[in-house]
Amino acid sequence: MSKIYLSFLAGLFVLSTIPMALPLIALIGFSTGETSSHSFQLNDKYEVQQHSGGAMAMPKIQLIKSNGILEKVIAERDFEIEYKNNYYTIADASSMQVKETEDSINVVFTFKDGSFDWRILSK
């Protein structure tokens, strides 16, 4: 009878630690940056990444400009790109290109249905 009671207590201990460990695992995951998994270097100056700001935040697509060791977020948009009644993420893009003009920066995402142009006005 004592073996059954001891195994029951050990089982309850293991089952009670699982719900308490989930917030710790989420905290470690979001603090280390392992959740922002999609990052693409477009050229020497620009990078596109899908970034999740936290556990409760929706992911965003960010355009980042690199100035040596400093990086600056130039623009940000929702992580889903609506194109021809379909929703895509940057992981679905077959290619990405950046085109810089005097008044804007254009990031062109190429999907299987065609190309989507994300235009960012320069300041």
PDB file of N, CA and C in Angstrom:
ATOM      1  N   MET A   1       0.810  -1.188   0.000  1.00  0.00           N
ATOM      2  CA  MET A   1       0.000   0.000   0.000  1.00  0.00           C
ATOM      3  C   MET A   1       0.866   1.271   0.000  1.00  0.00           C
ATOM      4  N   SER A   2       1.992   1.232   0.716  1.00  0.00           N
ATOM      5  CA  SER A   2       2.865   2.409   0.761  1.00  0.00           C
ATOM      6  C   SER A   2       3.538   2.650  -0.584  1.00  0.00           C
ATOM      7  N   LYS A   3       3.792   1.604  -1.372  1.00  0.00           N
ATOM      8  CA  LYS A   3       4.386   1.781  -2.704  1.00  0.00           C
ATOM      9  C   LYS A   3       3.406   2.490  -3.635  1.00  0.00           C
ATOM     10  N   ILE A   4       2.143   2.152  -3.519  1.00  0.00           N
ATOM     11  CA  ILE A   4       1.124   2.800  -4.348  1.00  0.00           C
ATOM     12  C   ILE A   4       1.008   4.274  -3.965  1.00  0.00           C
ATOM     13  N   TYR A   5       0.995   4.546  -2.659  1.00  0.00           N
ATOM     14  CA  TYR A   5       0.898   5.917  -2.167  1.00  0.00           C
ATOM     15  C   TYR A   5       2.124   6.737  -2.594  1.00  0.00           C
ATOM     16  N   LEU A   6       3.303   6.168  -2.508  1.00  0.00           N
ATOM     17  CA  LEU A   6       4.528   6.856  -2.906  1.00  0.00           C
ATOM     18  C   LEU A   6       4.548   7.129  -4.406  1.00  0.00           C
ATOM     19  N   SER A   7       4.135   6.164  -5.212  1.00  0.00           N
ATOM     20  CA  SER A   7       4.097   6.372  -6.663  1.00  0.00           C
ATOM     21  C   SER A   7       3.028   7.404  -7.033  1.00  0.00           C
ATOM     22  N   PHE A   8       1.907   7.420  -6.291  1.00  0.00           N
ATOM     23  CA  PHE A   8       0.870   8.419  -6.515  1.00  0.00           C
ATOM     24  C   PHE A   8       1.394   9.824  -6.206  1.00  0.00           C
ATOM     25  N   LEU A   9       2.112   9.992  -5.125  1.00  0.00           N
ATOM     26  CA  LEU A   9       2.692  11.287  -4.769  1.00  0.00           C
ATOM     27  C   LEU A   9       3.745  11.730  -5.788  1.00  0.00           C
ATOM     28  N   ALA A  10       4.578  10.783  -6.238  1.00  0.00           N
ATOM     29  CA  ALA A  10       5.589  11.118  -7.247  1.00  0.00           C
ATOM     30  C   ALA A  10       4.927  11.525  -8.560  1.00  0.00           C
ATOM     31  N   GLY A  11       3.861  10.849  -8.944  1.00  0.00           N
ATOM     32  CA  GLY A  11       3.125  11.202 -10.156  1.00  0.00           C
ATOM     33  C   GLY A  11       2.497  12.573 -10.064  1.00  0.00           C
ATOM     34  N   LEU A  12       1.904  12.888  -8.911  1.00  0.00           N
ATOM     35  CA  LEU A  12       1.322  14.216  -8.718  1.00  0.00           C
ATOM     36  C   LEU A  12       2.384  15.307  -8.749  1.00  0.00           C
ATOM     37  N   PHE A  13       3.550  15.026  -8.201  1.00  0.00           N
ATOM     38  CA  PHE A  13       4.638  16.000  -8.223  1.00  0.00           C
ATOM     39  C   PHE A  13       5.068  16.304  -9.661  1.00  0.00           C
ATOM     40  N   VAL A  14       5.214  15.263 -10.463  1.00  0.00           N
ATOM     41  CA  VAL A  14       5.615  15.455 -11.868  1.00  0.00           C
ATOM     42  C   VAL A  14       4.533  16.211 -12.620  1.00  0.00           C
ATOM     43  N   LEU A  15       3.282  15.847 -12.431  1.00  0.00           N
ATOM     44  CA  LEU A  15       2.184  16.530 -13.125  1.00  0.00           C
ATOM     45  C   LEU A  15       2.024  17.986 -12.677  1.00  0.00           C
ATOM     46  N   SER A  16       2.361  18.292 -11.430  1.00  0.00           N
ATOM     47  CA  SER A  16       2.230  19.670 -10.965  1.00  0.00           C
ATOM     48  C   SER A  16       3.367  20.560 -11.458  1.00  0.00           C
ATOM     49  N   THR A  17       4.509  20.002 -11.792  1.00  0.00           N
ATOM     50  CA  THR A  17       5.613  20.823 -12.287  1.00  0.00           C
ATOM     51  C   THR A  17       5.446  21.202 -13.754  1.00  0.00           C
ATOM     52  N   ILE A  18       4.685  20.450 -14.510  1.00  0.00           N
ATOM     53  CA  ILE A  18       4.505  20.759 -15.940  1.00  0.00           C
ATOM     54  C   ILE A  18       3.831  22.114 -16.138  1.00  0.00           C
ATOM     55  N   PRO A  19       2.686  22.428 -15.509  1.00  0.00           N
ATOM     56  CA  PRO A  19       2.091  23.758 -15.725  1.00  0.00           C
ATOM     57  C   PRO A  19       2.955  24.901 -15.204  1.00  0.00           C
ATOM     58  N   MET A  20       3.735  24.638 -14.172  1.00  0.00           N
ATOM     59  CA  MET A  20       4.597  25.697 -13.651  1.00  0.00           C
ATOM     60  C   MET A  20       5.814  25.929 -14.544  1.00  0.00           C
ATOM     61  N   ALA A  21       6.201  24.952 -15.317  1.00  0.00           N
ATOM     62  CA  ALA A  21       7.367  25.085 -16.180  1.00  0.00           C
ATOM     63  C   ALA A  21       7.035  25.779 -17.502  1.00  0.00           C
ATOM     64  N   LEU A  22       5.779  25.762 -17.933  1.00  0.00           N
ATOM     65  CA  LEU A  22       5.421  26.366 -19.216  1.00  0.00           C
ATOM     66  C   LEU A  22       5.717  27.863 -19.275  1.00  0.00           C
ATOM     67  N   PRO A  23       5.375  28.669 -18.264  1.00  0.00           N
ATOM     68  CA  PRO A  23       5.760  30.094 -18.337  1.00  0.00           C
ATOM     69  C   PRO A  23       7.270  30.295 -18.356  1.00  0.00           C
ATOM     70  N   LEU A  24       7.996  29.464 -17.662  1.00  0.00           N
ATOM     71  CA  LEU A  24       9.454  29.579 -17.661  1.00  0.00           C
ATOM     72  C   LEU A  24      10.017  29.272 -19.047  1.00  0.00           C
ATOM     73  N   ILE A  25       9.491  28.254 -19.687  1.00  0.00           N
ATOM     74  CA  ILE A  25       9.942  27.909 -21.039  1.00  0.00           C
ATOM     75  C   ILE A  25       9.603  29.032 -22.020  1.00  0.00           C
ATOM     76  N   ALA A  26       8.399  29.625 -21.901  1.00  0.00           N
ATOM     77  CA  ALA A  26       8.014  30.744 -22.765  1.00  0.00           C
ATOM     78  C   ALA A  26       8.901  31.954 -22.528  1.00  0.00           C
ATOM     79  N   LEU A  27       9.210  32.235 -21.270  1.00  0.00           N
ATOM     80  CA  LEU A  27      10.080  33.369 -20.945  1.00  0.00           C
ATOM     81  C   LEU A  27      11.472  33.186 -21.524  1.00  0.00           C
ATOM     82  N   ILE A  28      12.014  32.008 -21.421  1.00  0.00           N
ATOM     83  CA  ILE A  28      13.338  31.735 -21.988  1.00  0.00           C
ATOM     84  C   ILE A  28      13.302  31.852 -23.507  1.00  0.00           C
ATOM     85  N   GLY A  29      12.248  31.340 -24.128  1.00  0.00           N
ATOM     86  CA  GLY A  29      12.135  31.403 -25.583  1.00  0.00           C
ATOM     87  C   GLY A  29      12.060  32.815 -26.115  1.00  0.00           C
ATOM     88  N   PHE A  30      11.279  33.680 -25.482  1.00  0.00           N
ATOM     89  CA  PHE A  30      11.125  35.045 -25.965  1.00  0.00           C
ATOM     90  C   PHE A  30      12.286  35.939 -25.564  1.00  0.00           C
ATOM     91  N   SER A  31      12.963  35.647 -24.474  1.00  0.00           N
ATOM     92  CA  SER A  31      14.083  36.501 -24.071  1.00  0.00           C
ATOM     93  C   SER A  31      15.358  36.195 -24.845  1.00  0.00           C
ATOM     94  N   THR A  32      15.493  34.990 -25.376  1.00  0.00           N
ATOM     95  CA  THR A  32      16.686  34.656 -26.139  1.00  0.00           C
ATOM     96  C   THR A  32      16.555  34.999 -27.612  1.00  0.00           C
ATOM     97  N   GLY A  33      15.352  35.314 -28.082  1.00  0.00           N
ATOM     98  CA  GLY A  33      15.181  35.665 -29.481  1.00  0.00           C
ATOM     99  C   GLY A  33      15.084  34.483 -30.405  1.00  0.00           C
ATOM    100  N   GLU A  34      14.861  33.310 -29.889  1.00  0.00           N
ATOM    101  CA  GLU A  34      14.754  32.122 -30.735  1.00  0.00           C
ATOM    102  C   GLU A  34      13.466  32.111 -31.550  1.00  0.00           C
ATOM    103  N   THR A  35      12.506  32.956 -31.190  1.00  0.00           N
ATOM    104  CA  THR A  35      11.232  32.955 -31.896  1.00  0.00           C
ATOM    105  C   THR A  35      11.267  33.774 -33.179  1.00  0.00           C
ATOM    106  N   SER A  36      12.195  34.708 -33.309  1.00  0.00           N
ATOM    107  CA  SER A  36      12.301  35.476 -34.553  1.00  0.00           C
ATOM    108  C   SER A  36      13.210  34.715 -35.502  1.00  0.00           C
ATOM    109  N   SER A  37      12.622  33.775 -36.195  1.00  0.00           N
ATOM    110  CA  SER A  37      13.418  32.810 -36.929  1.00  0.00           C
ATOM    111  C   SER A  37      13.661  33.183 -38.384  1.00  0.00           C
ATOM    112  N   HIS A  38      12.872  34.078 -38.936  1.00  0.00           N
ATOM    113  CA  HIS A  38      13.005  34.380 -40.356  1.00  0.00           C
ATOM    114  C   HIS A  38      13.702  35.720 -40.546  1.00  0.00           C
ATOM    115  N   SER A  39      14.919  35.669 -41.065  1.00  0.00           N
ATOM    116  CA  SER A  39      15.684  36.875 -41.315  1.00  0.00           C
ATOM    117  C   SER A  39      16.420  36.702 -42.642  1.00  0.00           C
ATOM    118  N   PHE A  40      16.316  37.711 -43.506  1.00  0.00           N
ATOM    119  CA  PHE A  40      16.925  37.630 -44.827  1.00  0.00           C
ATOM    120  C   PHE A  40      17.725  38.890 -45.103  1.00  0.00           C
ATOM    121  N   GLN A  41      18.979  38.720 -45.460  1.00  0.00           N
ATOM    122  CA  GLN A  41      19.856  39.825 -45.822  1.00  0.00           C
ATOM    123  C   GLN A  41      19.619  40.153 -47.287  1.00  0.00           C
ATOM    124  N   LEU A  42      19.147  41.357 -47.586  1.00  0.00           N
ATOM    125  CA  LEU A  42      18.844  41.742 -48.962  1.00  0.00           C
ATOM    126  C   LEU A  42      20.090  42.226 -49.696  1.00  0.00           C
ATOM    127  N   ASN A  43      20.879  43.055 -49.039  1.00  0.00           N
ATOM    128  CA  ASN A  43      22.164  43.507 -49.567  1.00  0.00           C
ATOM    129  C   ASN A  43      23.017  43.945 -48.380  1.00  0.00           C
ATOM    130  N   ASP A  44      24.060  44.711 -48.635  1.00  0.00           N
ATOM    131  CA  ASP A  44      24.946  45.127 -47.539  1.00  0.00           C
ATOM    132  C   ASP A  44      24.265  46.079 -46.560  1.00  0.00           C
ATOM    133  N   LYS A  45      23.247  46.820 -47.034  1.00  0.00           N
ATOM    134  CA  LYS A  45      22.614  47.841 -46.194  1.00  0.00           C
ATOM    135  C   LYS A  45      21.309  47.397 -45.549  1.00  0.00           C
ATOM    136  N   TYR A  46      20.545  46.505 -46.192  1.00  0.00           N
ATOM    137  CA  TYR A  46      19.183  46.223 -45.750  1.00  0.00           C
ATOM    138  C   TYR A  46      18.977  44.754 -45.425  1.00  0.00           C
ATOM    139  N   GLU A  47      18.124  44.539 -44.419  1.00  0.00           N
ATOM    140  CA  GLU A  47      17.753  43.198 -43.980  1.00  0.00           C
ATOM    141  C   GLU A  47      16.253  43.202 -43.673  1.00  0.00           C
ATOM    142  N   VAL A  48      15.565  42.122 -44.021  1.00  0.00           N
ATOM    143  CA  VAL A  48      14.150  41.957 -43.700  1.00  0.00           C
ATOM    144  C   VAL A  48      14.047  40.823 -42.697  1.00  0.00           C
ATOM    145  N   GLN A  49      13.278  41.050 -41.627  1.00  0.00           N
ATOM    146  CA  GLN A  49      13.107  39.987 -40.644  1.00  0.00           C
ATOM    147  C   GLN A  49      11.673  39.963 -40.147  1.00  0.00           C
ATOM    148  N   GLN A  50      11.222  38.768 -39.810  1.00  0.00           N
ATOM    149  CA  GLN A  50       9.939  38.605 -39.139  1.00  0.00           C
ATOM    150  C   GLN A  50      10.241  38.502 -37.658  1.00  0.00           C
ATOM    151  N   HIS A  51       9.681  39.438 -36.883  1.00  0.00           N
ATOM    152  CA  HIS A  51      10.050  39.558 -35.476  1.00  0.00           C
ATOM    153  C   HIS A  51       8.802  39.546 -34.613  1.00  0.00           C
ATOM    154  N   SER A  52       8.853  38.778 -33.532  1.00  0.00           N
ATOM    155  CA  SER A  52       7.780  38.764 -32.544  1.00  0.00           C
ATOM    156  C   SER A  52       8.268  39.521 -31.323  1.00  0.00           C
ATOM    157  N   GLY A  53       7.570  40.571 -30.960  1.00  0.00           N
ATOM    158  CA  GLY A  53       8.005  41.418 -29.858  1.00  0.00           C
ATOM    159  C   GLY A  53       7.824  40.804 -28.490  1.00  0.00           C
ATOM    160  N   GLY A  54       6.953  39.844 -28.347  1.00  0.00           N
ATOM    161  CA  GLY A  54       6.721  39.224 -27.057  1.00  0.00           C
ATOM    162  C   GLY A  54       5.710  38.106 -27.172  1.00  0.00           C
ATOM    163  N   ALA A  55       5.355  37.552 -26.048  1.00  0.00           N
ATOM    164  CA  ALA A  55       4.460  36.403 -26.046  1.00  0.00           C
ATOM    165  C   ALA A  55       3.054  36.777 -26.505  1.00  0.00           C
ATOM    166  N   MET A  56       2.605  37.964 -26.195  1.00  0.00           N
ATOM    167  CA  MET A  56       1.244  38.376 -26.534  1.00  0.00           C
ATOM    168  C   MET A  56       1.182  39.230 -27.802  1.00  0.00           C
ATOM    169  N   ALA A  57       2.292  39.570 -28.391  1.00  0.00           N
ATOM    170  CA  ALA A  57       2.323  40.450 -29.563  1.00  0.00           C
ATOM    171  C   ALA A  57       2.287  39.642 -30.852  1.00  0.00           C
ATOM    172  N   MET A  58       1.619  40.221 -31.842  1.00  0.00           N
ATOM    173  CA  MET A  58       1.617  39.607 -33.172  1.00  0.00           C
ATOM    174  C   MET A  58       2.968  39.851 -33.829  1.00  0.00           C
ATOM    175  N   PRO A  59       3.445  38.915 -34.618  1.00  0.00           N
ATOM    176  CA  PRO A  59       4.716  39.130 -35.318  1.00  0.00           C
ATOM    177  C   PRO A  59       4.603  40.275 -36.318  1.00  0.00           C
ATOM    178  N   LYS A  60       5.719  40.901 -36.587  1.00  0.00           N
ATOM    179  CA  LYS A  60       5.800  42.001 -37.546  1.00  0.00           C
ATOM    180  C   LYS A  60       6.918  41.718 -38.533  1.00  0.00           C
ATOM    181  N   ILE A  61       6.795  42.277 -39.724  1.00  0.00           N
ATOM    182  CA  ILE A  61       7.878  42.266 -40.694  1.00  0.00           C
ATOM    183  C   ILE A  61       8.579  43.603 -40.566  1.00  0.00           C
ATOM    184  N   GLN A  62       9.894  43.567 -40.391  1.00  0.00           N
ATOM    185  CA  GLN A  62      10.664  44.789 -40.209  1.00  0.00           C
ATOM    186  C   GLN A  62      11.716  44.902 -41.303  1.00  0.00           C
ATOM    187  N   LEU A  63      11.897  46.125 -41.789  1.00  0.00           N
ATOM    188  CA  LEU A  63      13.000  46.445 -42.686  1.00  0.00           C
ATOM    189  C   LEU A  63      14.054  47.144 -41.850  1.00  0.00           C
ATOM    190  N   ILE A  64      15.248  46.585 -41.826  1.00  0.00           N
ATOM    191  CA  ILE A  64      16.330  47.088 -40.975  1.00  0.00           C
ATOM    192  C   ILE A  64      17.458  47.592 -41.851  1.00  0.00           C
ATOM    193  N   LYS A  65      17.921  48.816 -41.544  1.00  0.00           N
ATOM    194  CA  LYS A  65      19.060  49.400 -42.258  1.00  0.00           C
ATOM    195  C   LYS A  65      20.287  49.282 -41.373  1.00  0.00           C
ATOM    196  N   SER A  66      21.360  48.773 -41.950  1.00  0.00           N
ATOM    197  CA  SER A  66      22.599  48.566 -41.209  1.00  0.00           C
ATOM    198  C   SER A  66      23.576  49.684 -41.525  1.00  0.00           C
ATOM    199  N   ASN A  67      24.078  50.329 -40.467  1.00  0.00           N
ATOM    200  CA  ASN A  67      25.110  51.359 -40.592  1.00  0.00           C
ATOM    201  C   ASN A  67      26.310  50.909 -39.784  1.00  0.00           C
ATOM    202  N   GLY A  68      27.113  50.049 -40.344  1.00  0.00           N
ATOM    203  CA  GLY A  68      28.253  49.512 -39.607  1.00  0.00           C
ATOM    204  C   GLY A  68      27.782  48.584 -38.515  1.00  0.00           C
ATOM    205  N   ILE A  69      28.087  48.918 -37.269  1.00  0.00           N
ATOM    206  CA  ILE A  69      27.645  48.068 -36.162  1.00  0.00           C
ATOM    207  C   ILE A  69      26.274  48.474 -35.639  1.00  0.00           C
ATOM    208  N   LEU A  70      25.755  49.612 -36.086  1.00  0.00           N
ATOM    209  CA  LEU A  70      24.436  50.071 -35.662  1.00  0.00           C
ATOM    210  C   LEU A  70      23.383  49.643 -36.663  1.00  0.00           C
ATOM    211  N   GLU A  71      22.206  49.269 -36.155  1.00  0.00           N
ATOM    212  CA  GLU A  71      21.077  48.905 -37.002  1.00  0.00           C
ATOM    213  C   GLU A  71      19.884  49.744 -36.609  1.00  0.00           C
ATOM    214  N   LYS A  72      19.072  50.123 -37.606  1.00  0.00           N
ATOM    215  CA  LYS A  72      17.895  50.938 -37.355  1.00  0.00           C
ATOM    216  C   LYS A  72      16.704  50.332 -38.086  1.00  0.00           C
ATOM    217  N   VAL A  73      15.579  50.217 -37.384  1.00  0.00           N
ATOM    218  CA  VAL A  73      14.354  49.729 -38.008  1.00  0.00           C
ATOM    219  C   VAL A  73      13.768  50.875 -38.827  1.00  0.00           C
ATOM    220  N   ILE A  74      13.706  50.687 -40.136  1.00  0.00           N
ATOM    221  CA  ILE A  74      13.210  51.716 -41.044  1.00  0.00           C
ATOM    222  C   ILE A  74      11.692  51.674 -41.131  1.00  0.00           C
ATOM    223  N   ALA A  75      11.138  50.463 -41.265  1.00  0.00           N
ATOM    224  CA  ALA A  75       9.690  50.319 -41.434  1.00  0.00           C
ATOM    225  C   ALA A  75       9.239  49.004 -40.826  1.00  0.00           C
ATOM    226  N   GLU A  76       7.925  48.953 -40.560  1.00  0.00           N
ATOM    227  CA  GLU A  76       7.345  47.782 -39.925  1.00  0.00           C
ATOM    228  C   GLU A  76       5.933  47.591 -40.477  1.00  0.00           C
ATOM    229  N   ARG A  77       5.530  46.348 -40.677  1.00  0.00           N
ATOM    230  CA  ARG A  77       4.184  46.054 -41.162  1.00  0.00           C
ATOM    231  C   ARG A  77       3.713  44.724 -40.583  1.00  0.00           C
ATOM    232  N   ASP A  78       2.435  44.396 -40.788  1.00  0.00           N
ATOM    233  CA  ASP A  78       1.899  43.114 -40.337  1.00  0.00           C
ATOM    234  C   ASP A  78       2.657  41.970 -40.994  1.00  0.00           C
ATOM    235  N   PHE A  79       2.723  40.835 -40.302  1.00  0.00           N
ATOM    236  CA  PHE A  79       3.525  39.724 -40.808  1.00  0.00           C
ATOM    237  C   PHE A  79       2.871  39.005 -41.975  1.00  0.00           C
ATOM    238  N   GLU A  80       1.569  39.181 -42.171  1.00  0.00           N
ATOM    239  CA  GLU A  80       0.905  38.552 -43.308  1.00  0.00           C
ATOM    240  C   GLU A  80       0.801  39.553 -44.451  1.00  0.00           C
ATOM    241  N   ILE A  81       1.186  39.110 -45.631  1.00  0.00           N
ATOM    242  CA  ILE A  81       1.106  39.948 -46.825  1.00  0.00           C
ATOM    243  C   ILE A  81      -0.057  39.434 -47.658  1.00  0.00           C
ATOM    244  N   GLU A  82      -1.066  40.277 -47.855  1.00  0.00           N
ATOM    245  CA  GLU A  82      -2.214  39.872 -48.658  1.00  0.00           C
ATOM    246  C   GLU A  82      -1.930  40.202 -50.112  1.00  0.00           C
ATOM    247  N   TYR A  83      -1.984  39.181 -50.944  1.00  0.00           N
ATOM    248  CA  TYR A  83      -1.724  39.362 -52.378  1.00  0.00           C
ATOM    249  C   TYR A  83      -2.628  38.412 -53.153  1.00  0.00           C
ATOM    250  N   LYS A  84      -3.479  38.948 -53.994  1.00  0.00           N
ATOM    251  CA  LYS A  84      -4.423  38.181 -54.811  1.00  0.00           C
ATOM    252  C   LYS A  84      -5.259  37.219 -53.959  1.00  0.00           C
ATOM    253  N   ASN A  85      -5.845  37.750 -52.907  1.00  0.00           N
ATOM    254  CA  ASN A  85      -6.724  37.015 -51.983  1.00  0.00           C
ATOM    255  C   ASN A  85      -6.042  35.845 -51.274  1.00  0.00           C
ATOM    256  N   ASN A  86      -4.729  35.847 -51.211  1.00  0.00           N
ATOM    257  CA  ASN A  86      -3.964  34.859 -50.450  1.00  0.00           C
ATOM    258  C   ASN A  86      -3.109  35.599 -49.422  1.00  0.00           C
ATOM    259  N   TYR A  87      -2.795  34.912 -48.350  1.00  0.00           N
ATOM    260  CA  TYR A  87      -1.953  35.496 -47.309  1.00  0.00           C
ATOM    261  C   TYR A  87      -0.611  34.780 -47.293  1.00  0.00           C
ATOM    262  N   TYR A  88       0.471  35.562 -47.335  1.00  0.00           N
ATOM    263  CA  TYR A  88       1.821  35.027 -47.365  1.00  0.00           C
ATOM    264  C   TYR A  88       2.641  35.613 -46.220  1.00  0.00           C
ATOM    265  N   THR A  89       3.695  34.900 -45.849  1.00  0.00           N
ATOM    266  CA  THR A  89       4.699  35.430 -44.933  1.00  0.00           C
ATOM    267  C   THR A  89       6.009  35.536 -45.712  1.00  0.00           C
ATOM    268  N   ILE A  90       7.028  36.093 -45.083  1.00  0.00           N
ATOM    269  CA  ILE A  90       8.287  36.235 -45.811  1.00  0.00           C
ATOM    270  C   ILE A  90       8.959  34.887 -46.040  1.00  0.00           C
ATOM    271  N   ALA A  91       8.577  33.878 -45.273  1.00  0.00           N
ATOM    272  CA  ALA A  91       9.129  32.542 -45.502  1.00  0.00           C
ATOM    273  C   ALA A  91       8.592  31.939 -46.799  1.00  0.00           C
ATOM    274  N   ASP A  92       7.437  32.412 -47.269  1.00  0.00           N
ATOM    275  CA  ASP A  92       6.842  31.913 -48.509  1.00  0.00           C
ATOM    276  C   ASP A  92       7.427  32.574 -49.749  1.00  0.00           C
ATOM    277  N   ALA A  93       8.183  33.637 -49.585  1.00  0.00           N
ATOM    278  CA  ALA A  93       8.726  34.370 -50.734  1.00  0.00           C
ATOM    279  C   ALA A  93       9.871  33.586 -51.365  1.00  0.00           C
ATOM    280  N   SER A  94       9.826  33.482 -52.680  1.00  0.00           N
ATOM    281  CA  SER A  94      10.912  32.793 -53.384  1.00  0.00           C
ATOM    282  C   SER A  94      12.126  33.699 -53.540  1.00  0.00           C
ATOM    283  N   SER A  95      11.902  35.015 -53.601  1.00  0.00           N
ATOM    284  CA  SER A  95      13.014  35.960 -53.642  1.00  0.00           C
ATOM    285  C   SER A  95      12.543  37.315 -53.118  1.00  0.00           C
ATOM    286  N   MET A  96      13.523  38.109 -52.674  1.00  0.00           N
ATOM    287  CA  MET A  96      13.263  39.460 -52.192  1.00  0.00           C
ATOM    288  C   MET A  96      14.350  40.377 -52.725  1.00  0.00           C
ATOM    289  N   GLN A  97      13.934  41.559 -53.155  1.00  0.00           N
ATOM    290  CA  GLN A  97      14.885  42.534 -53.667  1.00  0.00           C
ATOM    291  C   GLN A  97      14.550  43.891 -53.071  1.00  0.00           C
ATOM    292  N   VAL A  98      15.557  44.716 -52.906  1.00  0.00           N
ATOM    293  CA  VAL A  98      15.343  46.082 -52.442  1.00  0.00           C
ATOM    294  C   VAL A  98      15.786  47.027 -53.550  1.00  0.00           C
ATOM    295  N   LYS A  99      14.943  48.029 -53.798  1.00  0.00           N
ATOM    296  CA  LYS A  99      15.248  49.055 -54.799  1.00  0.00           C
ATOM    297  C   LYS A  99      15.125  50.403 -54.110  1.00  0.00           C
ATOM    298  N   GLU A 100      16.195  51.154 -54.147  1.00  0.00           N
ATOM    299  CA  GLU A 100      16.243  52.441 -53.466  1.00  0.00           C
ATOM    300  C   GLU A 100      16.159  53.561 -54.493  1.00  0.00           C
ATOM    301  N   THR A 101      15.202  54.482 -54.298  1.00  0.00           N
ATOM    302  CA  THR A 101      15.089  55.673 -55.135  1.00  0.00           C
ATOM    303  C   THR A 101      15.324  56.893 -54.252  1.00  0.00           C
ATOM    304  N   GLU A 102      15.185  58.077 -54.834  1.00  0.00           N
ATOM    305  CA  GLU A 102      15.423  59.299 -54.071  1.00  0.00           C
ATOM    306  C   GLU A 102      14.386  59.510 -52.972  1.00  0.00           C
ATOM    307  N   ASP A 103      13.130  59.138 -53.248  1.00  0.00           N
ATOM    308  CA  ASP A 103      12.067  59.429 -52.284  1.00  0.00           C
ATOM    309  C   ASP A 103      11.497  58.193 -51.596  1.00  0.00           C
ATOM    310  N   SER A 104      11.925  56.998 -51.977  1.00  0.00           N
ATOM    311  CA  SER A 104      11.351  55.808 -51.352  1.00  0.00           C
ATOM    312  C   SER A 104      12.313  54.621 -51.414  1.00  0.00           C
ATOM    313  N   ILE A 105      11.966  53.632 -50.621  1.00  0.00           N
ATOM    314  CA  ILE A 105      12.655  52.342 -50.633  1.00  0.00           C
ATOM    315  C   ILE A 105      11.587  51.306 -50.950  1.00  0.00           C
ATOM    316  N   ASN A 106      11.806  50.513 -51.969  1.00  0.00           N
ATOM    317  CA  ASN A 106      10.844  49.490 -52.367  1.00  0.00           C
ATOM    318  C   ASN A 106      11.428  48.115 -52.105  1.00  0.00           C
ATOM    319  N   VAL A 107      10.683  47.298 -51.372  1.00  0.00           N
ATOM    320  CA  VAL A 107      11.057  45.911 -51.156  1.00  0.00           C
ATOM    321  C   VAL A 107      10.083  45.071 -51.969  1.00  0.00           C
ATOM    322  N   VAL A 108      10.607  44.278 -52.881  1.00  0.00           N
ATOM    323  CA  VAL A 108       9.782  43.467 -53.771  1.00  0.00           C
ATOM    324  C   VAL A 108       9.869  42.014 -53.313  1.00  0.00           C
ATOM    325  N   PHE A 109       8.715  41.465 -52.889  1.00  0.00           N
ATOM    326  CA  PHE A 109       8.606  40.064 -52.502  1.00  0.00           C
ATOM    327  C   PHE A 109       8.044  39.297 -53.693  1.00  0.00           C
ATOM    328  N   THR A 110       8.697  38.238 -54.097  1.00  0.00           N
ATOM    329  CA  THR A 110       8.223  37.423 -55.201  1.00  0.00           C
ATOM    330  C   THR A 110       7.635  36.136 -54.645  1.00  0.00           C
ATOM    331  N   PHE A 111       6.342  35.914 -54.952  1.00  0.00           N
ATOM    332  CA  PHE A 111       5.642  34.712 -54.532  1.00  0.00           C
ATOM    333  C   PHE A 111       5.312  33.875 -55.757  1.00  0.00           C
ATOM    334  N   LYS A 112       4.673  32.741 -55.550  1.00  0.00           N
ATOM    335  CA  LYS A 112       4.338  31.882 -56.692  1.00  0.00           C
ATOM    336  C   LYS A 112       3.288  32.517 -57.600  1.00  0.00           C
ATOM    337  N   ASP A 113       2.467  33.455 -57.055  1.00  0.00           N
ATOM    338  CA  ASP A 113       1.430  34.119 -57.842  1.00  0.00           C
ATOM    339  C   ASP A 113       1.908  35.397 -58.523  1.00  0.00           C
ATOM    340  N   GLY A 114       3.065  35.904 -58.126  1.00  0.00           N
ATOM    341  CA  GLY A 114       3.557  37.151 -58.677  1.00  0.00           C
ATOM    342  C   GLY A 114       4.381  37.906 -57.658  1.00  0.00           C
ATOM    343  N   SER A 115       4.486  39.223 -57.847  1.00  0.00           N
ATOM    344  CA  SER A 115       5.334  40.049 -56.991  1.00  0.00           C
ATOM    345  C   SER A 115       4.494  41.057 -56.218  1.00  0.00           C
ATOM    346  N   PHE A 116       4.884  41.310 -54.980  1.00  0.00           N
ATOM    347  CA  PHE A 116       4.252  42.318 -54.135  1.00  0.00           C
ATOM    348  C   PHE A 116       5.298  43.383 -53.824  1.00  0.00           C
ATOM    349  N   ASP A 117       4.919  44.638 -53.992  1.00  0.00           N
ATOM    350  CA  ASP A 117       5.837  45.756 -53.783  1.00  0.00           C
ATOM    351  C   ASP A 117       5.463  46.473 -52.491  1.00  0.00           C
ATOM    352  N   TRP A 118       6.385  46.474 -51.534  1.00  0.00           N
ATOM    353  CA  TRP A 118       6.202  47.197 -50.265  1.00  0.00           C
ATOM    354  C   TRP A 118       6.986  48.483 -50.388  1.00  0.00           C
ATOM    355  N   ARG A 119       6.287  49.610 -50.450  1.00  0.00           N
ATOM    356  CA  ARG A 119       6.921  50.894 -50.673  1.00  0.00           C
ATOM    357  C   ARG A 119       7.007  51.656 -49.358  1.00  0.00           C
ATOM    358  N   ILE A 120       8.196  52.101 -49.028  1.00  0.00           N
ATOM    359  CA  ILE A 120       8.441  52.870 -47.814  1.00  0.00           C
ATOM    360  C   ILE A 120       8.966  54.231 -48.230  1.00  0.00           C
ATOM    361  N   LEU A 121       8.274  55.281 -47.814  1.00  0.00           N
ATOM    362  CA  LEU A 121       8.717  56.633 -48.162  1.00  0.00           C
ATOM    363  C   LEU A 121       9.907  57.016 -47.301  1.00  0.00           C
ATOM    364  N   SER A 122      10.924  57.577 -47.945  1.00  0.00           N
ATOM    365  CA  SER A 122      12.112  58.038 -47.214  1.00  0.00           C
ATOM    366  C   SER A 122      11.800  59.358 -46.536  1.00  0.00           C
ATOM    367  N   LYS A 123      12.453  59.567 -45.389  1.00  0.00           N
ATOM    368  CA  LYS A 123      12.222  60.819 -44.663  1.00  0.00           C
ATOM    369  C   LYS A 123      13.314  61.811 -44.948  1.00  0.00           C
TER     370      LYS A 123
END
